[in-house]
Protein backbone atom coordinates (compact mmCIF):
# COMPACT_ATOMS: atom_id res chain seq x y z
CA MET A 1 -12.40 -3.23 16.92
CA PRO A 2 -10.59 -3.57 20.19
CA SER A 3 -9.52 -7.35 19.42
CA ALA A 4 -8.23 -6.64 16.29
CA PRO A 5 -5.35 -8.48 15.22
CA ASP A 6 -2.11 -6.19 15.09
CA ASN A 7 -1.74 -7.03 11.53
CA GLU A 8 -5.39 -6.01 10.44
CA ALA A 9 -5.47 -2.62 12.57
CA SER A 10 -2.36 -2.25 10.87
CA GLN A 11 -3.14 -2.57 7.72
CA ALA A 12 -6.41 -0.70 8.10
CA LEU A 13 -4.72 2.37 9.89
CA SER A 14 -2.21 2.36 6.64
CA ALA A 15 -4.98 2.62 4.25
CA GLN A 16 -6.09 5.12 6.13
CA LEU A 17 -2.68 6.77 6.00
CA ALA A 18 -2.17 6.53 2.29
CA MET A 19 -5.76 8.26 1.33
CA LEU A 20 -4.52 11.22 3.57
CA ASP A 21 -1.38 11.68 1.09
CA HIS A 22 -3.26 11.34 -2.03
CA LEU A 23 -5.28 13.94 -0.40
CA MET A 24 -2.56 16.04 0.65
CA ALA A 25 -0.97 15.66 -2.90
CA ARG A 26 -4.09 16.50 -4.80
CA GLU A 27 -6.22 18.98 -2.82
CA THR A 28 -6.40 21.73 -0.92
CA PRO A 29 -5.97 21.52 2.98
CA ASP A 30 -9.56 22.78 3.46
CA ILE A 31 -10.82 19.65 1.41
CA CYS A 32 -8.14 17.50 3.39
CA ASN A 33 -9.47 18.80 6.26
CA ASN A 34 -12.92 18.37 5.84
CA TYR A 35 -12.18 15.15 4.61
CA LEU A 36 -11.66 14.13 8.58
CA ARG A 37 -14.63 15.61 9.59
CA ASN A 38 -17.23 14.33 6.57
CA GLY A 39 -15.56 11.52 5.46
CA PRO A 40 -15.45 10.96 1.75
CA ASP A 41 -18.09 13.56 0.39
CA ALA A 42 -15.60 16.01 1.06
CA VAL A 43 -14.24 15.47 -2.23
CA SER A 44 -16.87 16.95 -4.72
CA ALA A 45 -15.01 15.48 -7.99
CA PRO A 46 -13.12 12.55 -7.04
CA ASP A 47 -10.60 10.30 -9.01
CA SER A 48 -10.20 7.34 -9.89
CA GLU A 49 -7.03 7.28 -7.84
CA PHE A 50 -9.04 8.24 -4.81
CA LEU A 51 -12.06 5.42 -5.42
CA ALA A 52 -9.01 2.92 -5.54
CA HIS A 53 -8.09 4.56 -1.96
CA LEU A 54 -11.67 4.87 -0.62
CA ASP A 55 -12.10 1.14 -1.71
CA LYS A 56 -8.76 -0.20 0.42
CA VAL A 57 -9.91 1.91 3.26
CA GLY A 58 -13.27 0.46 3.02
CA ALA A 59 -11.82 -3.16 2.27
CA THR A 60 -9.16 -3.10 5.03
CA LEU A 61 -11.89 -1.90 8.05
CA PHE A 62 -13.84 -4.64 6.37
CA ARG A 63 -10.77 -7.44 6.85
CA ALA A 64 -10.61 -5.46 10.35
CA PHE A 65 -13.51 -6.48 11.48
CA GLY A 66 -13.79 -9.66 10.95
CA ALA A 67 -10.83 -10.49 11.99
CA ALA A 68 -11.52 -9.03 15.37
CA LYS A 69 -14.50 -11.04 15.58
CA ARG A 70 -12.87 -14.32 14.91
CA SER A 71 -9.55 -13.89 16.82
CA GLY A 72 -9.90 -14.03 20.25
CA LEU A 73 -7.63 -11.62 21.49
CA PRO A 74 -9.29 -9.36 24.25
CA ALA A 75 -10.74 -6.12 23.50
CA ALA A 76 -7.99 -3.53 25.11
CA GLU A 77 -8.72 0.21 25.37
CA PRO A 78 -4.95 2.09 25.33
CA GLU A 79 -3.69 2.55 28.64
CA ASP A 80 -1.87 5.69 29.92
CA GLN A 81 1.65 4.41 28.92
CA ASP A 82 0.65 3.51 25.29
CA TRP A 83 -0.42 6.96 24.54
CA SER A 84 2.85 8.26 26.17
CA LEU A 85 4.45 5.93 23.74
CA LEU A 86 2.03 7.76 20.54
CA ALA A 87 3.37 10.35 22.00
CA ASP A 88 6.95 10.07 21.32
CA ALA A 89 6.45 8.29 18.47
CA PHE A 90 4.81 11.29 16.91
CA THR A 91 7.33 13.87 18.30
CA LYS A 92 10.19 11.77 16.72
CA SER A 93 8.45 11.72 14.02
CA GLY A 94 8.27 15.57 13.62
CA GLY A 95 4.91 16.56 15.31
CA THR A 96 5.44 19.78 17.29
CA PRO A 97 2.88 20.68 20.27
CA ALA A 98 0.43 22.71 18.35
CA GLU A 99 -0.58 20.17 16.69
CA MET A 100 -0.82 17.61 18.79
CA ASP A 101 -3.53 20.12 20.41
CA ALA A 102 -5.45 20.46 17.05
CA ILE A 103 -5.66 16.76 17.19
CA ALA A 104 -6.54 16.74 20.55
CA ASN A 105 -9.13 19.26 20.02
CA ALA A 106 -10.39 17.97 16.95
CA ASN A 107 -9.43 21.81 15.66
CA GLN A 108 -10.72 21.59 12.25
CA ASP A 109 -9.95 25.14 11.64
CA PHE A 110 -5.83 24.08 12.08
CA ALA A 111 -4.71 24.29 8.58
CA GLY A 112 -2.28 21.84 8.87
CA LEU A 113 -4.33 19.12 10.73
CA CYS A 114 -3.95 16.57 7.66
CA PRO A 115 -0.41 16.57 8.22
CA ALA A 116 -0.61 16.61 11.59
CA MET A 117 -2.70 13.37 11.22
CA ALA A 118 -0.44 11.44 8.82
CA LYS A 119 2.21 11.80 11.27
CA LEU A 120 -0.23 11.11 14.02
CA TYR A 121 -0.76 7.79 11.74
CA GLY A 122 2.76 7.15 10.96
CA ALA A 123 3.86 6.88 14.41
CA ALA A 124 0.99 4.77 15.35
CA LEU A 125 2.05 2.48 12.84
CA SER A 126 5.45 2.52 14.28
CA LEU A 127 4.34 1.23 17.59
CA PRO A 128 5.33 -2.31 18.04
CA GLY A 129 3.58 -4.75 20.10
CA GLU A 130 0.08 -4.56 22.27
CA SER A 131 0.95 -1.10 22.99
CA GLY A 132 1.10 -0.71 19.35
CA ARG A 133 -1.97 -2.79 18.58
CA HIS A 134 -3.96 -0.81 21.21
CA VAL A 135 -2.87 2.56 20.17
CA LYS A 136 -3.97 1.62 16.11
CA THR A 137 -7.56 0.12 17.03
CA ALA A 138 -8.11 2.62 19.34
CA LEU A 139 -7.40 5.11 16.38
CA LEU A 140 -9.64 2.77 13.52
CA TYR A 141 -12.52 3.24 16.44
CA ALA A 142 -12.21 6.48 16.45
CA ILE A 143 -12.05 7.05 12.70
CA VAL A 144 -15.08 4.85 12.32
CA LYS A 145 -17.19 6.21 14.43
CA ASN A 146 -16.86 9.69 13.00
């Protein structure tokens, strides 16, 4: 995943963000937070929109994996300056220190974890260039790993 091109990484992260937006609009904060921890099994009665979002999440991740294999781009982990750019963008989008702490510590008991993650994904999507690509692919890797 670290060698995925920015376009495919952005599409996959955008699909993740759209899923969180859907869950925040339709489900309780607890269900949305459980989705972050347990994936789709957190939603006991998925509606057709949820399933459409789930399909898009899967399809964009597969495209990102395929593009990473074919890209020839160097696999690069984000550096400290990349994470600093993300933190700045997160703060500019209204992110708070408490939200950042909850994200950094994967605090599932933090009631606003879903909105905080949505802000983080939005902030990452706003980052241009190689720094943006590194952050987006690292976030996608963390999503897939969990």
